[in-house]
Amino acid sequence: MNKEMSLLFRAIPLMMGAICLAYGLYIWNRGPTPDNVVSGHVVTFLTAICIALFSTAATIIRQLTDTYGPGYRAALPVLGYAAGIIAVICGLTFVARIPHADGFVAGHVVFGIGLITCCVATVAASSTKFVLIPRNSKAAPDTKPDNAFNEGTATILLAVPIICTVVGLAWGFALLTKQHSGSEYMVAGHVLVGLSLVCGSLIALVASVLRQIQNTYGDREHRSWPLLVAVLGGINILWGLAVLVSGDDPARLAPGWVLIGLGIVCWSILSKVLLLALVWRRSFPLADRIPLIPVMTALSCLFIAGFLFEAGLDEPAYYVPARIMVGLGAVCFTLFSIVSILESGTSGGD
């Protein structure tokens, strides 16, 4: 990877994060209406995911360009985890201190974004030994590589996205059991479950990276991990469609469309998991086309946002999902950077 491309792939997450931050703050400061509070908070904190993705991008690129020192090994994952922890704390604070339904919804969604950010930061932490992947791909199966993670470290890293997924699902379903108490429980519950399924997709990514670094990636995992992510994305999309057709209450529109957007994000993550599977100990001539997947998912989010903006002229309930979908499009495009880096790193080892 040349210097110019390495700079570009590191700049993309930062640019998308800046867009989410600027757009979110713009919405946030337009006025204290419920729609502005929810969409402003959510879009602003999508910046945290972009920061964690930058940590991942920089971690891998610096290894590929031989500029990865001990300071970066510690600082980059810490940056991602810091963004995630801040989002989690802010989400809990919003739930506790904003005494309205909009604060309740925004707080739970920001909390879920924080969980995703912690999972992405774990991808960065798992990738600190990324250069072992192309080497192991050419080595004999089950050969213990030098400098791989010890079993305890690998277990802890894999446990992070699993815990985030379980916590998010448990809290989301708990909210759904109380949806008769108000629409805010229904909205927050559905979206938090959807965010947790994104965390579930990141389990597959962390596991794929770890097991290839440990050289324990088996034949069945070529199919099982990509299938898991594809199924979770499909569940989000089908769940969103089910919510949209579940009745006439306008409150269903925001969670329905956001769930669809989160399903699209899962399929963006699929591109990374799929690439790792397809090039492991085999040749895949179309590997350099896989980065087109997050480009298509980003465009899908933006096209959907365009339709929702138009629909919002007649139905105000489309206001929130239209703006959140723009932020999700930025996250998907950030994943294009990560997949392109993975493609460069794995093909370099062939």
Foldseek 3Di string as FASTA:
>chain_A
DDPVLLVVLLVLLVVLLVVLQVLLVVLCPPDPDLLSLQQSLLSNLLSLLSLLLSLQSVLLSCVVVVNDDPVSLPPSLVRLLVSLVVLLVVLVVLCVPVPDLSSVQNSLLSNLSSLLSNLSSLSSNLCNLVLLLLVLLPDDAPDFDPPADDPVVLVVSLVSLVVSLVVLLVVLVVLVVVCVVDLSSVLSSLSSNLSSLLSVLSSLVSVLSNCSSRRNQDPVNLPPSLVSLLVSLVVLLVVLVCLVPVDDDLSSNQSSLVSNLSSLLSQLSSLQSNLSSDLRNDDDPCLQVSLVSLVVSLVVLLVVLVVLVVVCVPPVSSSNNSSVSNSSSSSSNSSSSVSNSVSVSNVVSD
